[in-house]
Amino acid sequence: MVSYYPNGESLVAGDTITLKILDSPSWWTSAQVDISGSGYSLTVTLVPIGTTSFQHIWTIPTPSPSPDTFTFKWFGGDEFDYALQATTTAAISAAGTVASSLSILLSSSTTVVGSPITVSGVLSSDGTGLSGKTVVIKASIDGGVSFFDVATLSTTVDGDYSASVNPTIDGTYQLKTVFDGDATYSASASTVATLTVSPLTYSSSLTLSTSASTVAQGGSVNLTAVLTGGGYGLEGRTVKFDYSTDEINWFELLSGTTDGSGATSVTWTTTGVAEGNYYIRARFDGDSTGGIRYSASTSPNITISVRIMPRYSVSSITVGPSAIELGGATGIDGYVVCTVSQSLAPPGVAVNLVATRRSDGYSFIAGSSTTDSSGHFYLAVTWPTDPTWGGIWDICGDFSGYTGTC
């Protein structure tokens, strides 16, 4: 690979150019460059640097026509195979007759995104300011590999220039000012000044709410977090939901992305979760990119109790007739509902019908039944004839002996 440096800058008579061949074949023993321009011709030998590179520092001749273009023909190889490798050119944009110099000064070497600094300096020649000359402030954010224009200015009567520069991206900048020269004064560039720009960071806050504070084991609960910054919802951020059993050790449970209002909702299904109290929090780790960022934040903890609840319950239980004499018959029917899914129970669910006397709380199992395909059950009961069985009785379902799933 052949290259020369500086490349793409304003070159003038008297400037030095570093000619390099990099990563050449290991069998090369020598390299040279034939340089030609208007009325100018020179062959230079490149000196080896390392095992696969060659270099020569060449000075543009003085005087040199302005403008002018120099052609470089690059040769390399060994005594058996020495050939032309590439041809490149370098333009001399302004030779100049009187040297100029350019200074640069930053009002601060550090700032944050959105806070401008002042870049100033003086264009002069032999200590005298040059008036009415065009200078360009340039910046690089890739370590000086490439520069882009920031501001184009005209110098004052004293050769001064000044501009306000307001970075919109955080990072480390290299700033310099360039004068391209004219028919009277040579081109010049200032030294490179470094500016460190930090991101503008605002605080954020998180709130957390839940659809229920108690949930049956195997059931689900909705968790909703709202992330705000400066009073506005923060969109497109990842919010993580953590759980803990001791408020010391935390583990990530779920995550979601905020919408335009800063909200995100997730569903926690407690299948396989042990019975107990769980502390839940929402967590935002903060922005890691962007000129304007929001800091990390965590919501207050909320508590959700996971409980092992009766798998089934009786719904719409009826007794008819509801008033009978001792020894009389009645019927008890109703529906069985799954407490987790709130759907009707499948067929074959066993239910004990328990009668409890209001006056003294005495209870007994009046009988058992099973659900049909629609979750319905029916039990025919003949009441005892003994007078001690009189009174008002409440009927309920009991599923303690059933181990099926719903």
Protein backbone atom coordinates (compact mmCIF):
# COMPACT_ATOMS: atom_id res chain seq x y z
CA MET A 1 0.00 0.00 0.00
CA VAL A 2 1.44 3.41 -1.03
CA SER A 3 0.63 6.66 0.75
CA TYR A 4 1.80 10.19 1.34
CA TYR A 5 1.09 12.48 4.28
CA PRO A 6 -0.30 15.06 4.61
CA ASN A 7 -2.94 14.04 2.10
CA GLY A 8 -5.90 16.29 1.25
CA GLU A 9 -4.48 19.36 3.02
CA SER A 10 -3.34 22.62 1.42
CA LEU A 11 0.28 22.01 0.40
CA VAL A 12 2.72 24.83 -0.34
CA ALA A 13 6.31 25.19 -1.41
CA GLY A 14 8.61 24.25 1.43
CA ASP A 15 6.21 21.75 3.02
CA THR A 16 7.51 18.25 3.72
CA ILE A 17 5.69 15.16 2.55
CA THR A 18 6.26 11.68 4.00
CA LEU A 19 6.25 9.07 1.22
CA LYS A 20 5.54 5.53 2.45
CA ILE A 21 5.08 2.01 1.15
CA LEU A 22 3.39 -0.14 3.79
CA ASP A 23 2.87 -3.90 3.97
CA SER A 24 5.07 -4.66 0.98
CA PRO A 25 5.93 -8.29 0.07
CA SER A 26 8.58 -9.69 2.38
CA TRP A 27 10.90 -10.43 -0.57
CA TRP A 28 11.23 -6.76 -1.55
CA THR A 29 14.74 -5.38 -1.00
CA SER A 30 14.34 -1.80 -2.29
CA ALA A 31 11.82 0.85 -3.33
CA GLN A 32 11.91 4.28 -4.99
CA VAL A 33 9.60 7.07 -6.12
CA ASP A 34 9.94 9.10 -9.33
CA ILE A 35 8.61 12.63 -8.64
CA SER A 36 7.71 14.96 -11.50
CA GLY A 37 6.04 18.38 -11.77
CA SER A 38 6.20 21.55 -13.87
CA GLY A 39 9.85 21.68 -14.90
CA TYR A 40 10.77 19.36 -12.02
CA SER A 41 11.98 15.75 -11.89
CA LEU A 42 13.55 13.78 -9.06
CA THR A 43 14.03 10.13 -8.11
CA VAL A 44 14.25 9.34 -4.41
CA THR A 45 15.12 6.06 -2.72
CA LEU A 46 12.90 4.95 0.13
CA VAL A 47 14.60 3.76 3.29
CA PRO A 48 13.39 0.46 4.83
CA ILE A 49 11.50 0.86 8.11
CA GLY A 50 10.74 -2.53 9.59
CA THR A 51 10.57 -5.65 7.49
CA THR A 52 7.80 -4.71 5.03
CA SER A 53 7.74 -0.90 4.86
CA PHE A 54 9.76 1.86 3.19
CA GLN A 55 9.80 5.65 3.73
CA HIS A 56 11.28 8.92 2.46
CA ILE A 57 10.62 12.52 3.56
CA TRP A 58 10.53 14.89 0.59
CA THR A 59 10.41 18.70 0.66
CA ILE A 60 8.35 20.49 -2.00
CA PRO A 61 10.85 22.63 -3.96
CA THR A 62 10.94 26.41 -3.59
CA PRO A 63 9.93 28.31 -5.64
CA SER A 64 7.15 26.14 -6.98
CA PRO A 65 4.52 27.19 -9.54
CA SER A 66 1.08 27.86 -8.05
CA PRO A 67 -1.00 25.88 -8.60
CA ASP A 68 0.98 22.79 -9.54
CA THR A 69 0.51 19.03 -9.42
CA PHE A 70 3.27 16.56 -8.64
CA THR A 71 3.09 12.98 -9.87
CA PHE A 72 4.55 10.13 -7.82
CA LYS A 73 5.46 6.85 -9.53
CA TRP A 74 6.12 4.13 -7.00
CA PHE A 75 8.56 1.27 -7.75
CA GLY A 76 9.53 -1.72 -5.64
CA GLY A 77 10.86 -5.27 -5.70
CA ASP A 78 14.23 -6.99 -5.79
CA GLU A 79 16.96 -7.35 -8.38
CA PHE A 80 14.97 -9.97 -10.27
CA ASP A 81 11.55 -8.36 -10.22
CA TYR A 82 11.59 -4.55 -9.88
CA ALA A 83 8.51 -2.84 -11.34
CA LEU A 84 6.09 0.09 -11.20
CA GLN A 85 3.55 -0.48 -8.40
CA ALA A 86 1.29 2.62 -8.47
CA THR A 87 0.94 6.24 -9.59
CA THR A 88 -0.45 9.02 -7.36
CA THR A 89 -0.58 12.84 -7.42
CA ALA A 90 -0.38 15.71 -4.93
CA ALA A 91 -1.75 19.19 -5.66
CA ILE A 92 0.00 22.40 -4.64
CA SER A 93 -2.93 24.78 -4.16
CA ALA A 94 -1.06 27.97 -3.27
CA ALA A 95 2.64 28.51 -3.16
CA GLY A 96 2.51 31.92 -1.48
CA THR A 97 5.28 34.41 -1.46
CA VAL A 98 5.12 35.56 2.17
CA ALA A 99 4.77 33.14 5.08
CA SER A 100 1.70 33.37 7.29
CA SER A 101 0.94 31.90 10.68
CA LEU A 102 -2.31 31.06 12.40
CA SER A 103 -3.07 30.59 16.08
CA ILE A 104 -6.03 28.97 17.87
CA LEU A 105 -7.42 29.40 21.38
CA LEU A 106 -10.36 27.65 23.04
CA SER A 107 -12.30 29.45 25.77
CA SER A 108 -12.51 26.07 27.52
CA SER A 109 -11.04 22.65 26.83
CA THR A 110 -14.14 20.93 28.27
CA THR A 111 -17.88 21.40 27.82
CA VAL A 112 -21.15 19.46 27.66
CA VAL A 113 -23.45 18.89 24.73
CA GLY A 114 -25.48 22.04 24.12
CA SER A 115 -23.01 24.40 25.87
CA PRO A 116 -21.02 26.43 23.33
CA ILE A 117 -17.38 27.45 23.59
CA THR A 118 -15.52 30.24 21.77
CA VAL A 119 -12.80 29.41 19.25
CA SER A 120 -10.54 32.38 18.45
CA GLY A 121 -7.11 33.21 17.12
CA VAL A 122 -5.01 35.48 14.94
CA LEU A 123 -3.82 35.20 11.33
CA SER A 124 -0.57 37.11 10.94
CA SER A 125 2.58 37.48 8.91
CA ASP A 126 5.82 38.56 10.54
CA GLY A 127 3.85 39.71 13.61
CA THR A 128 1.29 41.79 11.68
CA GLY A 129 -2.37 40.77 11.60
CA LEU A 130 -3.79 39.98 8.16
CA SER A 131 -7.15 41.67 7.59
CA GLY A 132 -10.06 40.39 5.50
CA LYS A 133 -8.66 36.89 5.00
CA THR A 134 -10.89 33.79 4.99
CA VAL A 135 -10.12 31.18 7.63
CA VAL A 136 -11.98 27.94 8.28
CA ILE A 137 -12.39 26.28 11.67
CA LYS A 138 -12.28 22.50 11.22
CA ALA A 139 -13.02 19.68 13.64
CA SER A 140 -12.33 15.97 13.86
CA ILE A 141 -14.02 13.42 16.09
CA ASP A 142 -12.12 10.37 14.85
CA GLY A 143 -8.73 11.19 16.28
CA GLY A 144 -7.66 13.52 13.48
CA VAL A 145 -8.16 11.02 10.64
CA SER A 146 -10.67 13.32 8.92
CA PHE A 147 -11.79 16.90 9.53
CA PHE A 148 -15.07 18.63 8.73
CA ASP A 149 -15.80 22.36 8.45
CA VAL A 150 -17.31 24.03 11.50
CA ALA A 151 -17.27 27.73 10.58
CA THR A 152 -15.95 29.97 7.81
CA LEU A 153 -14.85 33.42 8.98
CA SER A 154 -13.23 36.61 7.75
CA THR A 155 -10.43 38.08 9.86
CA THR A 156 -10.82 41.54 11.42
CA VAL A 157 -8.57 44.52 10.74
CA ASP A 158 -6.15 43.11 13.31
CA GLY A 159 -6.22 39.59 11.84
CA ASP A 160 -8.44 38.26 14.62
CA TYR A 161 -11.18 35.68 14.18
CA SER A 162 -13.71 34.32 16.64
CA ALA A 163 -16.67 31.94 16.51
CA SER A 164 -19.03 30.20 18.90
CA VAL A 165 -18.95 26.41 18.53
CA ASN A 166 -21.77 24.33 20.00
CA PRO A 167 -21.09 20.54 19.88
CA THR A 168 -24.17 18.35 19.49
CA ILE A 169 -22.39 15.01 20.00
CA ASP A 170 -20.28 13.99 22.97
CA GLY A 171 -16.70 12.83 22.47
CA THR A 172 -13.15 14.09 22.08
CA TYR A 173 -12.70 16.66 19.32
CA GLN A 174 -9.58 17.95 17.58
CA LEU A 175 -10.01 21.56 16.41
CA LYS A 176 -7.80 23.57 14.09
CA THR A 177 -8.07 26.64 11.89
CA VAL A 178 -6.87 26.69 8.27
CA PHE A 179 -5.93 29.54 5.92
CA ASP A 180 -5.65 28.37 2.29
CA GLY A 181 -3.32 31.19 1.27
CA ASP A 182 -3.62 33.63 -1.61
CA ALA A 183 -1.45 35.33 -4.18
CA THR A 184 0.42 37.21 -1.45
CA TYR A 185 0.49 34.97 1.62
CA SER A 186 1.22 31.28 1.97
CA ALA A 187 -1.27 28.83 3.39
CA SER A 188 -1.05 28.04 7.08
CA ALA A 189 -2.79 26.03 9.75
CA SER A 190 -2.97 26.39 13.48
CA THR A 191 -1.89 23.76 15.93
CA VAL A 192 -4.53 21.20 16.91
CA ALA A 193 -6.49 21.95 20.10
CA THR A 194 -8.37 19.23 21.99
CA LEU A 195 -11.91 19.71 23.24
CA THR A 196 -13.62 17.13 25.48
CA VAL A 197 -17.42 17.16 25.21
CA SER A 198 -19.42 15.28 27.83
CA PRO A 199 -23.03 14.16 27.33
CA LEU A 200 -25.78 16.26 28.85
CA THR A 201 -27.35 14.04 31.51
CA TYR A 202 -30.77 14.48 33.12
CA SER A 203 -32.21 12.50 36.01
CA SER A 204 -34.96 9.94 35.43
CA SER A 205 -37.59 8.43 37.71
CA LEU A 206 -39.59 5.20 37.73
CA THR A 207 -42.95 4.24 39.17
CA LEU A 208 -44.30 0.72 39.42
CA SER A 209 -47.85 -0.59 39.83
CA THR A 210 -49.42 -4.04 39.87
CA SER A 211 -52.82 -5.41 38.94
CA ALA A 212 -52.98 -7.43 42.19
CA SER A 213 -51.04 -7.70 45.41
CA THR A 214 -51.99 -11.36 45.91
CA VAL A 215 -52.00 -14.02 43.22
CA ALA A 216 -52.76 -17.72 43.27
CA GLN A 217 -49.82 -19.99 42.58
CA GLY A 218 -49.94 -20.56 38.82
CA GLY A 219 -51.88 -17.36 38.23
CA SER A 220 -50.70 -14.15 36.54
CA VAL A 221 -50.25 -10.55 37.56
CA ASN A 222 -49.58 -7.49 35.40
CA LEU A 223 -46.67 -5.17 36.25
CA THR A 224 -46.63 -1.64 34.78
CA ALA A 225 -43.67 0.74 35.00
CA VAL A 226 -43.61 4.38 33.87
CA LEU A 227 -40.24 6.02 33.13
CA THR A 228 -40.05 9.81 33.03
CA GLY A 229 -37.40 12.49 32.72
CA GLY A 230 -37.95 16.21 33.06
CA GLY A 231 -41.66 15.57 33.44
CA TYR A 232 -41.96 13.70 30.13
CA GLY A 233 -42.27 10.02 29.31
CA LEU A 234 -39.06 8.49 27.96
CA GLU A 235 -39.74 6.38 24.89
CA GLY A 236 -37.77 3.40 23.61
CA ARG A 237 -35.92 2.62 26.84
CA THR A 238 -35.49 -0.85 28.31
CA VAL A 239 -36.96 -1.26 31.79
CA LYS A 240 -36.10 -4.38 33.76
CA PHE A 241 -38.30 -5.94 36.43
CA ASP A 242 -36.45 -7.59 39.33
CA TYR A 243 -37.62 -9.74 42.21
CA SER A 244 -36.22 -10.48 45.65
CA THR A 245 -37.29 -12.45 48.71
CA ASP A 246 -35.16 -10.41 51.15
CA GLU A 247 -34.78 -6.95 49.47
CA ILE A 248 -31.02 -7.58 49.41
CA ASN A 249 -30.39 -10.08 46.64
CA TRP A 250 -32.14 -9.17 43.41
CA PHE A 251 -32.71 -11.19 40.24
CA GLU A 252 -33.99 -10.07 36.87
CA LEU A 253 -37.49 -11.36 36.18
CA LEU A 254 -38.75 -9.69 32.99
CA SER A 255 -38.06 -6.66 30.79
CA GLY A 256 -40.00 -4.38 28.49
CA THR A 257 -39.56 -1.37 26.19
CA THR A 258 -41.28 1.91 26.99
CA ASP A 259 -43.86 3.44 24.67
CA GLY A 260 -44.41 7.11 23.84
CA SER A 261 -45.73 7.82 27.33
CA GLY A 262 -42.77 6.10 28.98
CA ALA A 263 -44.88 3.11 30.07
CA THR A 264 -44.23 -0.59 29.65
CA SER A 265 -46.26 -3.54 30.96
CA VAL A 266 -45.30 -7.17 31.45
CA THR A 267 -47.13 -10.22 32.76
CA TRP A 268 -45.63 -12.36 35.50
CA THR A 269 -46.98 -15.91 35.51
CA THR A 270 -46.35 -17.66 38.82
CA THR A 271 -46.39 -21.25 37.60
CA GLY A 272 -43.81 -23.14 39.64
CA VAL A 273 -43.18 -20.17 41.93
CA ALA A 274 -42.98 -21.10 45.60
CA GLU A 275 -45.57 -19.71 47.96
CA GLY A 276 -44.45 -16.56 49.76
CA ASN A 277 -43.95 -12.81 49.55
CA TYR A 278 -41.95 -11.39 46.66
CA TYR A 279 -40.53 -7.87 46.43
CA ILE A 280 -40.73 -6.44 42.93
CA ARG A 281 -38.97 -3.36 41.55
CA ALA A 282 -38.54 -1.71 38.13
CA ARG A 283 -35.03 -0.71 37.07
CA PHE A 284 -33.65 1.57 34.31
CA ASP A 285 -29.90 1.30 33.78
CA GLY A 286 -29.57 4.74 32.15
CA ASP A 287 -28.61 5.80 28.63
CA SER A 288 -25.15 4.81 27.40
CA THR A 289 -25.20 6.67 24.07
CA GLY A 290 -26.49 9.96 22.70
CA GLY A 291 -25.60 13.56 23.35
CA ILE A 292 -28.55 13.93 25.74
CA ARG A 293 -28.86 11.09 28.24
CA TYR A 294 -30.93 10.12 31.25
CA SER A 295 -29.46 8.66 34.41
CA ALA A 296 -30.28 5.28 35.93
CA SER A 297 -33.24 5.00 38.30
CA THR A 298 -35.13 2.39 40.32
CA SER A 299 -38.75 2.37 41.43
CA PRO A 300 -39.87 1.86 45.03
CA ASN A 301 -40.43 -1.81 45.87
CA ILE A 302 -43.88 -3.36 45.87
CA THR A 303 -44.87 -6.67 47.49
CA ILE A 304 -46.77 -9.46 45.76
CA SER A 305 -47.92 -12.49 47.72
CA VAL A 306 -48.04 -15.81 45.90
CA ARG A 307 -50.47 -18.13 47.67
CA ILE A 308 -51.57 -21.73 47.24
CA MET A 309 -55.32 -21.24 46.98
CA PRO A 310 -58.16 -23.78 46.61
CA ARG A 311 -57.96 -25.02 43.07
CA TYR A 312 -61.72 -24.95 42.63
CA SER A 313 -64.71 -23.10 44.03
CA VAL A 314 -68.45 -23.61 43.78
CA SER A 315 -70.39 -21.04 41.80
CA SER A 316 -74.18 -20.49 41.67
CA ILE A 317 -75.05 -23.20 44.21
CA THR A 318 -78.78 -23.72 44.70
CA VAL A 319 -80.90 -25.92 46.96
CA GLY A 320 -84.40 -26.93 46.04
CA PRO A 321 -86.68 -27.16 47.71
CA SER A 322 -84.94 -24.92 50.23
CA ALA A 323 -87.39 -25.74 53.08
CA ILE A 324 -88.10 -29.37 53.98
CA GLU A 325 -89.26 -31.43 56.93
CA LEU A 326 -87.11 -33.92 58.78
CA GLY A 327 -86.76 -36.98 56.57
CA GLY A 328 -87.61 -34.94 53.49
CA ALA A 329 -85.66 -34.85 50.21
CA THR A 330 -83.99 -31.94 48.40
CA GLY A 331 -81.50 -31.39 45.63
CA ILE A 332 -78.25 -29.46 45.61
CA ASP A 333 -76.73 -28.32 42.32
CA GLY A 334 -74.33 -25.74 41.00
CA TYR A 335 -71.17 -25.20 38.97
CA VAL A 336 -67.49 -25.67 39.78
CA VAL A 337 -65.04 -22.96 38.61
CA CYS A 338 -61.24 -23.12 38.39
CA THR A 339 -59.87 -20.42 40.72
CA VAL A 340 -56.80 -19.84 38.52
CA SER A 341 -58.28 -19.56 35.04
CA GLN A 342 -61.85 -18.66 36.12
CA SER A 343 -63.11 -21.19 33.58
CA LEU A 344 -65.64 -23.96 34.26
CA ALA A 345 -64.12 -27.13 35.65
CA PRO A 346 -63.63 -30.15 33.39
CA PRO A 347 -65.77 -33.27 33.87
CA GLY A 348 -64.99 -35.58 36.77
CA VAL A 349 -64.04 -33.03 39.43
CA ALA A 350 -65.16 -34.40 42.80
CA VAL A 351 -66.91 -32.02 45.18
CA ASN A 352 -68.05 -32.71 48.74
CA LEU A 353 -71.20 -30.82 49.74
CA VAL A 354 -70.79 -29.68 53.34
CA ALA A 355 -73.79 -28.57 55.44
CA THR A 356 -73.13 -26.22 58.39
CA ARG A 357 -75.80 -25.34 60.96
CA ARG A 358 -75.96 -21.63 61.65
CA SER A 359 -76.99 -21.93 65.30
CA ASP A 360 -73.96 -23.87 66.52
CA GLY A 361 -71.57 -24.25 63.55
CA TYR A 362 -71.90 -28.01 63.46
CA SER A 363 -71.13 -29.38 60.01
CA PHE A 364 -71.17 -32.68 58.15
CA ILE A 365 -70.72 -33.93 54.60
CA ALA A 366 -74.18 -34.20 53.12
CA GLY A 367 -72.82 -36.13 50.13
CA SER A 368 -70.47 -36.01 47.14
CA SER A 369 -70.90 -35.41 43.45
CA THR A 370 -68.76 -34.95 40.32
CA THR A 371 -68.91 -32.41 37.51
CA ASP A 372 -70.28 -33.20 34.09
CA SER A 373 -68.92 -31.92 30.76
CA SER A 374 -70.27 -28.41 31.45
CA GLY A 375 -68.80 -28.16 34.97
CA HIS A 376 -72.22 -28.79 36.54
CA PHE A 377 -72.88 -31.06 39.49
CA TYR A 378 -76.08 -32.33 41.24
CA LEU A 379 -76.64 -34.16 44.52
CA ALA A 380 -79.95 -35.58 45.82
CA VAL A 381 -80.10 -35.48 49.64
CA THR A 382 -82.60 -37.11 52.06
CA TRP A 383 -82.50 -35.33 55.41
CA PRO A 384 -82.24 -37.37 58.65
CA THR A 385 -85.45 -37.90 60.66
CA ASP A 386 -83.83 -37.32 64.06
CA PRO A 387 -85.15 -34.04 65.61
CA THR A 388 -81.57 -33.01 66.46
CA TRP A 389 -81.01 -32.41 62.72
CA GLY A 390 -83.43 -29.53 62.55
CA GLY A 391 -82.31 -25.93 61.94
CA ILE A 392 -81.06 -23.61 59.20
CA TRP A 393 -78.12 -25.06 57.30
CA ASP A 394 -75.66 -23.42 54.86
CA ILE A 395 -74.33 -25.54 51.98
CA CYS A 396 -70.81 -25.13 50.51
CA GLY A 397 -68.37 -27.12 48.40
CA ASP A 398 -65.16 -28.75 49.61
CA PHE A 399 -62.37 -29.96 47.30
CA SER A 400 -59.77 -31.05 49.83
CA GLY A 401 -59.77 -34.58 48.53
CA TYR A 402 -59.35 -33.75 44.83
CA THR A 403 -55.84 -33.59 43.33
CA GLY A 404 -56.60 -33.04 39.65
CA THR A 405 -55.43 -30.01 37.64
CA CYS A 406 -57.37 -27.26 35.94
